[in-house]
């Protein structure tokens, strides 16, 4: 049995249980379609419904749909191929998934509704429905939250097929990261570095899973920096790149930081790398991800103390909230069909949720760690003046040292981890770099 076939069995079992528990006979998962800009006919880049690609690895066939009837064990895939001489059609190569579904090629959505007939009235529709005729379809419910919560809760545990796709995505992204690192040391601009990143894996910008962060010098302190200077800086000091890749709909999300020369910033990058790898040893089933996040803050606090950024001890810096000014984001997040994959706050498949932490409101994951989960670990340390304003004039902070870091921006290191038994985890990211001889 192929990995995809086993994956499909898991997906059908999860949908069977979700549909039974929420009172639906069937589900229709719509791939979505492009939206056009306001007062224009130029569409934004199309992004497929993640629950559609959960079933089949088809990313570029808008207006397609998957229909699944509870207990049937086999989905029907309505693959939309428009009769359109203005545009090229999506290239859907022969793949294993096509042998395990009922595949129907259509060129008009009326063919789908005619084929399903009265079954639509008992169906839960999942997807965007902003356009006709989809918005007029006679379905039982549209995006019922209880059904979506049920599915999202169980999506946190990845199948073998999903993990293999994530491995391949990390291999692609690592290859591109190596090219970007080379471009940095060749003193290229941010835009040139990113062009080299995409060229290394033959991707268009619309094919990466999120807006890449390609930040030189002080730009790396902007957490979601994605502007890209077209000219290189007069002096290139530091480089932070947070960029990924897609493979069969699954995401890689990798961050690395580099120093142009040895010295203060290079030592800081090394210290963060050591702290990140120490965190990786703490990942075990039964540990709560929030506790990992706190452990990360304490490690960042020790780095602040070690490098002289603070005039107090590490524990006091955490208790006073100083570490949150230097490290405002969460330790990481689930990753899979989406970069920030879903279900991080769900307690169960009934939709009960953990409240966001008041102390750490940007943390996206509060669940206990389980075998089969895949998530990122991404500690960082930055000079963010807006956050440091809350401590203006504080003698707890060595402001001269903060000024020394400011021209470098910050540092972050991010890997994706597959949770195994008793701490026997797989680091998708570092394994991918090792295969290239790059780490």
Protein backbone atom coordinates (compact mmCIF):
# COMPACT_ATOMS: atom_id res chain seq x y z
CA UNK A 1 0.00 0.00 0.00
CA UNK A 2 1.42 3.37 -1.00
CA UNK A 3 1.94 6.18 1.52
CA UNK A 4 -0.74 8.21 -0.24
CA UNK A 5 -3.24 5.33 -0.06
CA UNK A 6 -2.63 5.01 3.69
CA UNK A 7 -2.98 8.78 4.03
CA UNK A 8 -6.29 8.68 2.18
CA UNK A 9 -7.56 5.97 4.53
CA UNK A 10 -6.74 8.20 7.50
CA UNK A 11 -8.45 11.21 5.92
CA UNK A 12 -11.61 9.25 5.13
CA UNK A 13 -11.69 7.86 8.69
CA UNK A 14 -11.32 11.36 10.13
CA UNK A 15 -14.09 12.69 7.89
CA UNK A 16 -16.34 9.73 8.74
CA UNK A 17 -16.02 10.50 12.45
CA UNK A 18 -16.33 14.27 11.98
CA UNK A 19 -19.45 13.98 9.81
CA UNK A 20 -21.07 11.49 12.19
CA UNK A 21 -20.34 13.62 15.26
CA UNK A 22 -21.65 16.82 13.66
CA UNK A 23 -24.76 15.46 11.91
CA UNK A 24 -23.83 15.71 8.24
CA UNK A 25 -24.12 13.02 5.59
CA UNK A 26 -21.42 14.41 3.30
CA UNK A 27 -18.93 17.18 2.71
CA UNK A 28 -18.11 19.20 -0.39
CA UNK A 29 -14.65 20.75 -0.21
CA UNK A 30 -14.32 23.52 -2.78
CA UNK A 31 -10.80 24.36 -4.01
CA UNK A 32 -11.66 28.06 -4.30
CA UNK A 33 -11.12 30.50 -7.14
CA UNK A 34 -9.16 33.71 -7.72
CA UNK A 35 -10.48 37.06 -6.55
CA UNK A 36 -10.04 40.14 -8.70
CA UNK A 37 -8.78 43.44 -7.39
CA UNK A 38 -11.25 46.24 -6.67
CA UNK A 39 -12.42 48.01 -9.85
CA UNK A 40 -10.14 45.78 -11.88
CA UNK A 41 -10.16 42.47 -13.70
CA UNK A 42 -6.66 41.43 -12.60
CA UNK A 43 -6.84 38.53 -10.10
CA UNK A 44 -4.72 38.13 -7.00
CA UNK A 45 -2.55 35.00 -6.82
CA UNK A 46 -4.72 31.95 -6.21
CA UNK A 47 -4.25 29.87 -3.04
CA UNK A 48 -6.03 26.55 -2.83
CA UNK A 49 -8.28 25.63 0.12
CA UNK A 50 -5.99 23.66 2.48
CA UNK A 51 -8.71 21.08 3.18
CA UNK A 52 -8.93 20.42 -0.56
CA UNK A 53 -5.23 19.60 -0.83
CA UNK A 54 -5.58 17.50 2.33
CA UNK A 55 -7.37 15.04 0.03
CA UNK A 56 -5.40 15.43 -3.21
CA UNK A 57 -2.11 17.20 -4.06
CA UNK A 58 -3.66 19.56 -6.60
CA UNK A 59 -2.72 23.20 -6.03
CA UNK A 60 -3.50 25.02 -9.28
CA UNK A 61 -6.93 23.90 -10.44
CA UNK A 62 -9.42 26.49 -9.15
CA UNK A 63 -13.14 25.66 -9.15
CA UNK A 64 -12.37 22.01 -8.51
CA UNK A 65 -14.01 20.18 -5.58
CA UNK A 66 -13.87 17.00 -3.52
CA UNK A 67 -17.15 15.34 -2.54
CA UNK A 68 -17.13 12.75 0.24
CA UNK A 69 -20.14 10.83 1.52
CA UNK A 70 -19.90 9.42 5.04
CA UNK A 71 -18.90 5.75 5.06
CA UNK A 72 -18.23 5.56 1.33
CA UNK A 73 -14.49 5.24 1.79
CA UNK A 74 -13.76 6.91 -1.55
CA UNK A 75 -14.00 10.58 -2.54
CA UNK A 76 -15.15 11.96 -5.85
CA UNK A 77 -12.81 14.59 -7.26
CA UNK A 78 -14.39 17.07 -9.67
CA UNK A 79 -11.35 18.40 -11.53
CA UNK A 80 -12.26 21.66 -13.24
CA UNK A 81 -10.62 22.21 -16.64
CA UNK A 82 -12.13 25.28 -18.30
CA UNK A 83 -12.63 25.54 -22.03
CA UNK A 84 -10.74 28.81 -22.31
CA UNK A 85 -8.55 29.94 -25.19
CA UNK A 86 -7.32 32.97 -23.21
CA UNK A 87 -5.45 31.04 -20.51
CA UNK A 88 -3.47 27.84 -20.16
CA UNK A 89 -4.95 25.06 -18.07
CA UNK A 90 -3.36 23.61 -14.96
CA UNK A 91 -0.95 20.80 -15.70
CA UNK A 92 -2.09 17.81 -13.62
CA UNK A 93 0.48 15.04 -14.08
CA UNK A 94 -0.31 11.34 -13.70
CA UNK A 95 0.15 10.50 -10.02
CA UNK A 96 -0.76 7.76 -7.55
CA UNK A 97 -3.67 9.70 -6.02
CA UNK A 98 -5.68 9.40 -9.24
CA UNK A 99 -5.86 5.61 -8.80
CA UNK A 100 -7.63 5.90 -5.43
CA UNK A 101 -10.39 8.44 -6.10
CA UNK A 102 -13.31 8.68 -8.49
CA UNK A 103 -12.05 11.33 -10.88
CA UNK A 104 -14.48 13.40 -12.96
CA UNK A 105 -13.17 16.13 -15.24
CA UNK A 106 -15.65 19.00 -15.71
CA UNK A 107 -15.65 22.32 -17.54
CA UNK A 108 -18.83 23.74 -16.02
CA UNK A 109 -19.82 23.77 -12.32
CA UNK A 110 -23.36 22.87 -13.34
CA UNK A 111 -21.97 19.43 -14.15
CA UNK A 112 -21.03 19.05 -10.47
CA UNK A 113 -24.42 20.11 -9.11
CA UNK A 114 -26.29 18.02 -11.67
CA UNK A 115 -24.18 14.99 -10.75
CA UNK A 116 -24.76 15.37 -7.00
CA UNK A 117 -28.43 16.30 -7.26
CA UNK A 118 -30.37 15.95 -3.99
CA UNK A 119 -27.21 14.93 -2.07
CA UNK A 120 -26.24 18.61 -1.79
CA UNK A 121 -29.11 19.29 0.61
CA UNK A 122 -27.46 17.04 3.23
CA UNK A 123 -23.95 18.30 2.57
CA UNK A 124 -21.61 20.55 4.52
CA UNK A 125 -19.86 22.96 2.16
CA UNK A 126 -16.27 23.84 3.12
CA UNK A 127 -14.53 26.66 1.28
CA UNK A 128 -14.93 30.18 -0.08
CA UNK A 129 -18.31 30.96 -1.58
CA UNK A 130 -18.03 34.61 -2.56
CA UNK A 131 -18.94 34.02 -6.22
CA UNK A 132 -21.84 32.57 -8.13
CA UNK A 133 -22.90 29.89 -8.78
CA UNK A 134 -21.21 28.54 -5.63
CA UNK A 135 -22.93 31.08 -3.38
CA UNK A 136 -26.33 29.83 -4.59
CA UNK A 137 -25.78 26.11 -4.07
CA UNK A 138 -28.45 24.48 -1.92
CA UNK A 139 -26.31 22.92 0.82
CA UNK A 140 -27.17 22.07 4.42
CA UNK A 141 -24.51 24.35 5.93
CA UNK A 142 -21.58 26.49 4.88
CA UNK A 143 -18.32 26.14 6.77
CA UNK A 144 -19.92 24.77 9.95
CA UNK A 145 -17.50 25.59 12.74
CA UNK A 146 -18.09 22.35 14.65
CA UNK A 147 -17.11 20.28 11.62
CA UNK A 148 -14.06 22.41 10.84
CA UNK A 149 -12.89 22.26 14.49
CA UNK A 150 -13.25 18.48 14.48
CA UNK A 151 -11.11 18.17 11.35
CA UNK A 152 -8.55 20.74 12.47
CA UNK A 153 -7.99 19.09 15.83
CA UNK A 154 -6.98 15.78 14.25
CA UNK A 155 -4.94 17.36 11.45
CA UNK A 156 -2.26 18.06 14.06
CA UNK A 157 -1.18 14.41 13.84
CA UNK A 158 0.49 13.94 10.47
CA UNK A 159 0.36 10.79 8.33
CA UNK A 160 3.51 9.20 6.91
CA UNK A 161 2.66 10.67 3.50
CA UNK A 162 2.39 14.14 4.99
CA UNK A 163 5.72 13.82 6.78
CA UNK A 164 7.42 12.67 3.57
CA UNK A 165 6.03 15.73 1.76
CA UNK A 166 7.35 17.93 4.56
CA UNK A 167 10.78 16.29 4.20
CA UNK A 168 10.80 17.09 0.50
CA UNK A 169 9.67 20.67 1.13
CA UNK A 170 12.54 21.16 3.59
CA UNK A 171 15.02 19.74 1.09
CA UNK A 172 13.88 22.28 -1.47
CA UNK A 173 13.98 25.17 0.99
CA UNK A 174 17.42 24.18 2.33
CA UNK A 175 18.81 24.17 -1.21
CA UNK A 176 17.42 27.67 -1.76
CA UNK A 177 18.77 28.85 1.61
CA UNK A 178 22.26 27.73 0.61
CA UNK A 179 21.99 29.85 -2.54
CA UNK A 180 20.76 32.85 -0.52
CA UNK A 181 23.65 32.53 1.95
CA UNK A 182 26.11 32.52 -0.95
CA UNK A 183 24.47 35.63 -2.39
CA UNK A 184 24.76 37.39 0.99
CA UNK A 185 28.51 36.76 1.14
CA UNK A 186 28.75 38.07 -2.43
CA UNK A 187 27.33 41.38 -1.14
CA UNK A 188 24.18 41.26 -3.19
CA UNK A 189 21.04 43.29 -2.47
CA UNK A 190 17.99 41.84 -0.73
CA UNK A 191 16.13 41.57 -4.02
CA UNK A 192 19.08 39.87 -5.70
CA UNK A 193 19.42 37.45 -2.80
CA UNK A 194 15.76 36.53 -3.08
CA UNK A 195 16.04 36.11 -6.84
CA UNK A 196 18.88 33.65 -6.26
CA UNK A 197 16.73 31.86 -3.68
CA UNK A 198 13.90 31.33 -6.14
CA UNK A 199 16.21 30.44 -9.02
CA UNK A 200 17.87 27.68 -6.97
CA UNK A 201 14.60 25.72 -6.89
CA UNK A 202 12.95 27.04 -10.06
CA UNK A 203 10.07 28.67 -8.16
CA UNK A 204 7.99 31.69 -9.01
CA UNK A 205 7.36 34.06 -6.12
CA UNK A 206 3.70 32.97 -6.03
CA UNK A 207 4.76 29.35 -5.47
CA UNK A 208 6.39 29.83 -2.06
CA UNK A 209 4.13 29.30 0.95
CA UNK A 210 4.48 32.79 2.48
CA UNK A 211 6.09 36.19 1.94
CA UNK A 212 9.77 35.50 2.48
CA UNK A 213 11.79 37.61 4.91
CA UNK A 214 15.11 38.59 3.32
CA UNK A 215 16.61 41.10 5.73
CA UNK A 216 20.04 42.70 5.77
CA UNK A 217 21.42 44.55 8.77
CA UNK A 218 18.83 46.41 10.89
CA UNK A 219 15.96 45.12 8.73
CA UNK A 220 16.08 41.79 10.57
CA UNK A 221 14.55 43.50 13.60
CA UNK A 222 11.32 43.91 11.58
CA UNK A 223 9.69 40.58 12.29
CA UNK A 224 7.78 40.26 9.00
CA UNK A 225 10.07 42.36 6.80
CA UNK A 226 9.29 41.76 3.11
CA UNK A 227 10.12 44.98 1.28
CA UNK A 228 13.54 44.05 -0.26
CA UNK A 229 15.97 46.83 -1.05
CA UNK A 230 17.10 46.77 -4.66
CA UNK A 231 20.60 48.07 -3.88
CA UNK A 232 23.07 46.46 -1.48
CA UNK A 233 23.90 48.41 1.67
CA UNK A 234 27.19 50.28 1.89
CA UNK A 235 28.26 47.91 4.64
CA UNK A 236 26.73 44.45 4.91
CA UNK A 237 26.87 43.25 8.52
CA UNK A 238 24.15 40.67 9.10
CA UNK A 239 21.59 38.62 7.23
CA UNK A 240 18.36 37.01 8.44
CA UNK A 241 16.36 34.91 6.00
CA UNK A 242 13.00 33.33 6.85
CA UNK A 243 11.81 31.55 3.72
CA UNK A 244 10.24 28.26 2.73
CA UNK A 245 9.07 26.05 -0.09
CA UNK A 246 6.08 23.90 -1.06
CA UNK A 247 6.01 20.24 -2.01
CA UNK A 248 2.66 18.69 -2.96
CA UNK A 249 0.95 21.37 -0.90
CA UNK A 250 3.06 20.95 2.26
CA UNK A 251 5.19 23.75 3.66
CA UNK A 252 8.75 24.27 4.77
CA UNK A 253 9.51 27.25 7.01
CA UNK A 254 13.20 27.83 7.73
CA UNK A 255 15.04 30.74 9.33
CA UNK A 256 18.79 31.25 9.47
CA UNK A 257 20.94 34.18 10.58
CA UNK A 258 24.46 34.91 9.33
CA UNK A 259 27.25 37.30 10.29
CA UNK A 260 29.50 38.81 7.62
CA UNK A 261 32.48 38.80 9.99
CA UNK A 262 33.54 37.15 13.22
CA UNK A 263 32.94 39.06 16.43
CA UNK A 264 29.98 40.19 18.53
CA UNK A 265 27.12 39.35 16.17
CA UNK A 266 28.64 36.05 15.03
CA UNK A 267 28.99 35.05 18.68
CA UNK A 268 25.35 35.99 19.28
CA UNK A 269 24.21 33.80 16.37
CA UNK A 270 26.24 30.89 17.76
CA UNK A 271 24.74 31.35 21.23
CA UNK A 272 21.21 31.35 19.79
CA UNK A 273 21.98 28.23 17.78
CA UNK A 274 23.16 26.45 20.93
CA UNK A 275 20.05 27.56 22.85
CA UNK A 276 17.80 26.38 20.02
CA UNK A 277 19.41 22.95 19.96
CA UNK A 278 19.06 22.68 23.74
CA UNK A 279 15.34 23.38 23.32
CA UNK A 280 15.10 20.57 20.79
CA UNK A 281 16.21 18.06 23.44
CA UNK A 282 13.24 19.08 25.63
CA UNK A 283 10.61 18.03 23.07
CA UNK A 284 8.86 14.94 24.39
CA UNK A 285 5.28 13.62 24.30
CA UNK A 286 3.30 14.91 27.27
CA UNK A 287 5.22 18.19 27.59
CA UNK A 288 3.06 21.25 27.04
CA UNK A 289 4.26 23.52 24.25
CA UNK A 290 3.71 26.55 26.49
CA UNK A 291 6.34 25.16 28.88
CA UNK A 292 8.79 24.94 25.96
CA UNK A 293 8.01 28.58 25.19
CA UNK A 294 8.84 29.61 28.78
CA UNK A 295 12.03 27.54 28.65
CA UNK A 296 12.97 29.44 25.51
CA UNK A 297 12.44 32.79 27.25
CA UNK A 298 14.72 31.73 30.08
CA UNK A 299 17.40 30.72 27.57
CA UNK A 300 17.05 34.06 25.80
CA UNK A 301 17.34 35.74 29.20
CA UNK A 302 20.60 33.91 29.83
CA UNK A 303 21.90 35.11 26.44
CA UNK A 304 20.92 38.67 27.39
CA UNK A 305 22.85 38.24 30.64
CA UNK A 306 25.83 36.52 28.96
CA UNK A 307 26.25 39.30 26.37
CA UNK A 308 25.67 42.13 28.82
CA UNK A 309 22.33 43.38 27.47
CA UNK A 310 20.89 43.40 30.99
CA UNK A 311 22.23 44.45 34.39
CA UNK A 312 20.13 41.93 36.31
CA UNK A 313 20.04 38.14 36.40
CA UNK A 314 18.23 36.10 33.76
CA UNK A 315 15.36 34.95 36.00
CA UNK A 316 14.58 38.52 37.06
CA UNK A 317 14.65 39.68 33.45
CA UNK A 318 11.99 37.12 32.56
CA UNK A 319 9.84 37.94 35.60
CA UNK A 320 9.93 41.65 34.78
CA UNK A 321 8.88 41.00 31.17
CA UNK A 322 12.13 42.28 29.69
CA UNK A 323 12.63 39.15 27.59
CA UNK A 324 9.32 39.81 25.82
CA UNK A 325 10.67 43.14 24.58
CA UNK A 326 13.62 41.36 22.98
CA UNK A 327 11.69 38.22 21.93
CA UNK A 328 8.02 39.15 21.29
CA UNK A 329 6.81 36.29 19.08
CA UNK A 330 5.92 32.73 19.96
CA UNK A 331 8.43 29.90 20.03
CA UNK A 332 6.76 28.30 17.01
CA UNK A 333 3.62 26.82 15.49
CA UNK A 334 2.20 23.72 13.86
CA UNK A 335 3.23 23.34 10.23
CA UNK A 336 1.82 21.22 7.41
CA UNK A 337 -0.71 22.15 4.74
CA UNK A 338 -0.39 25.70 6.04
CA UNK A 339 2.69 27.47 7.36
CA UNK A 340 0.82 28.41 10.53
CA UNK A 341 -1.09 25.16 10.60
CA UNK A 342 -4.38 24.91 12.43
CA UNK A 343 -5.55 23.51 15.75
CA UNK A 344 -2.93 25.03 18.04
CA UNK A 345 -5.53 26.24 20.55
CA UNK A 346 -7.97 23.31 20.35
CA UNK A 347 -8.36 21.15 23.47
CA UNK A 348 -10.45 18.50 21.71
CA UNK A 349 -12.41 17.82 18.54
CA UNK A 350 -15.55 19.36 20.05
CA UNK A 351 -14.14 22.85 19.54
CA UNK A 352 -13.19 23.62 23.15
CA UNK A 353 -10.19 25.91 23.07
CA UNK A 354 -7.39 27.11 25.31
CA UNK A 355 -7.54 30.87 25.88
CA UNK A 356 -4.61 32.85 24.54
CA UNK A 357 -1.91 33.42 27.12
CA UNK A 358 -2.06 36.93 28.57
CA UNK A 359 1.66 36.79 29.28
CA UNK A 360 2.58 35.49 25.81
CA UNK A 361 -0.32 36.55 23.53
CA UNK A 362 1.48 35.81 20.24
CA UNK A 363 2.12 32.15 20.99
CA UNK A 364 0.16 30.09 18.42
CA UNK A 365 0.35 26.68 20.09
CA UNK A 366 -0.86 25.69 23.59
CA UNK A 367 -1.47 21.96 23.23
CA UNK A 368 0.39 19.08 24.82
CA UNK A 369 3.02 17.55 22.56
CA UNK A 370 2.01 14.26 20.90
CA UNK A 371 3.75 11.75 18.67
CA UNK A 372 3.14 12.67 15.04
CA UNK A 373 2.84 16.41 15.54
CA UNK A 374 5.05 18.64 13.41
CA UNK A 375 5.91 22.13 14.61
CA UNK A 376 8.58 24.79 14.38
CA UNK A 377 11.07 25.89 17.04
CA UNK A 378 12.26 29.45 16.35
CA UNK A 379 13.83 31.41 19.22
CA UNK A 380 15.04 34.91 18.46
CA UNK A 381 16.40 38.14 19.91
CA UNK A 382 15.91 41.57 18.34
CA UNK A 383 16.17 45.31 18.91
CA UNK A 384 12.54 46.44 18.56
CA UNK A 385 12.43 50.06 19.67
CA UNK A 386 8.63 50.14 19.92
CA UNK A 387 8.74 47.37 22.56
CA UNK A 388 11.76 48.76 24.39
CA UNK A 389 9.87 52.04 24.93
CA UNK A 390 8.09 50.35 27.85
CA UNK A 391 11.46 50.09 29.62
CA UNK A 392 12.84 53.49 28.64
CA UNK A 393 15.32 54.71 31.24
CA UNK A 394 15.38 51.38 33.08
CA UNK A 395 18.71 50.61 34.71
CA UNK A 396 17.96 46.91 34.26
CA UNK A 397 18.95 47.25 30.60
CA UNK A 398 22.41 48.08 29.28
CA UNK A 399 21.37 50.55 26.62
CA UNK A 400 24.86 50.89 25.20
CA UNK A 401 24.84 47.17 24.41
CA UNK A 402 21.41 47.49 22.82
CA UNK A 403 22.83 50.25 20.61
CA UNK A 404 25.65 47.89 19.62
CA UNK A 405 23.15 45.31 18.36
CA UNK A 406 20.83 47.80 16.64
CA UNK A 407 22.80 47.98 13.33
CA UNK A 408 22.55 44.17 13.09
CA UNK A 409 18.80 44.07 13.81
CA UNK A 410 18.39 40.68 15.42
CA UNK A 411 18.85 36.93 15.17
CA UNK A 412 16.48 33.99 14.72
CA UNK A 413 16.96 30.28 14.00
CA UNK A 414 14.05 28.03 12.99
CA UNK A 415 13.70 24.30 12.39
CA UNK A 416 10.69 22.01 11.84
CA UNK A 417 10.40 18.98 14.14
CA UNK A 418 8.47 15.71 13.80
CA UNK A 419 7.68 14.41 17.28
CA UNK A 420 8.70 10.81 17.92
CA UNK A 421 8.48 8.44 20.86
CA UNK A 422 10.37 9.40 24.05
CA UNK A 423 12.22 12.32 22.51
CA UNK A 424 13.31 10.41 19.40
CA UNK A 425 12.38 13.31 17.15
CA UNK A 426 13.18 14.07 13.51
CA UNK A 427 14.59 17.48 12.63
CA UNK A 428 13.40 17.96 9.06
CA UNK A 429 15.37 21.16 8.60
CA UNK A 430 18.80 20.21 9.88
CA UNK A 431 18.58 16.84 8.15
CA UNK A 432 17.93 18.64 4.86
CA UNK A 433 20.97 20.89 5.33
CA UNK A 434 23.14 17.91 6.30
CA UNK A 435 22.19 16.12 3.07
CA UNK A 436 23.59 19.14 1.24
CA UNK A 437 26.73 19.24 3.40
CA UNK A 438 25.70 22.71 4.48
CA UNK A 439 25.45 22.28 8.29
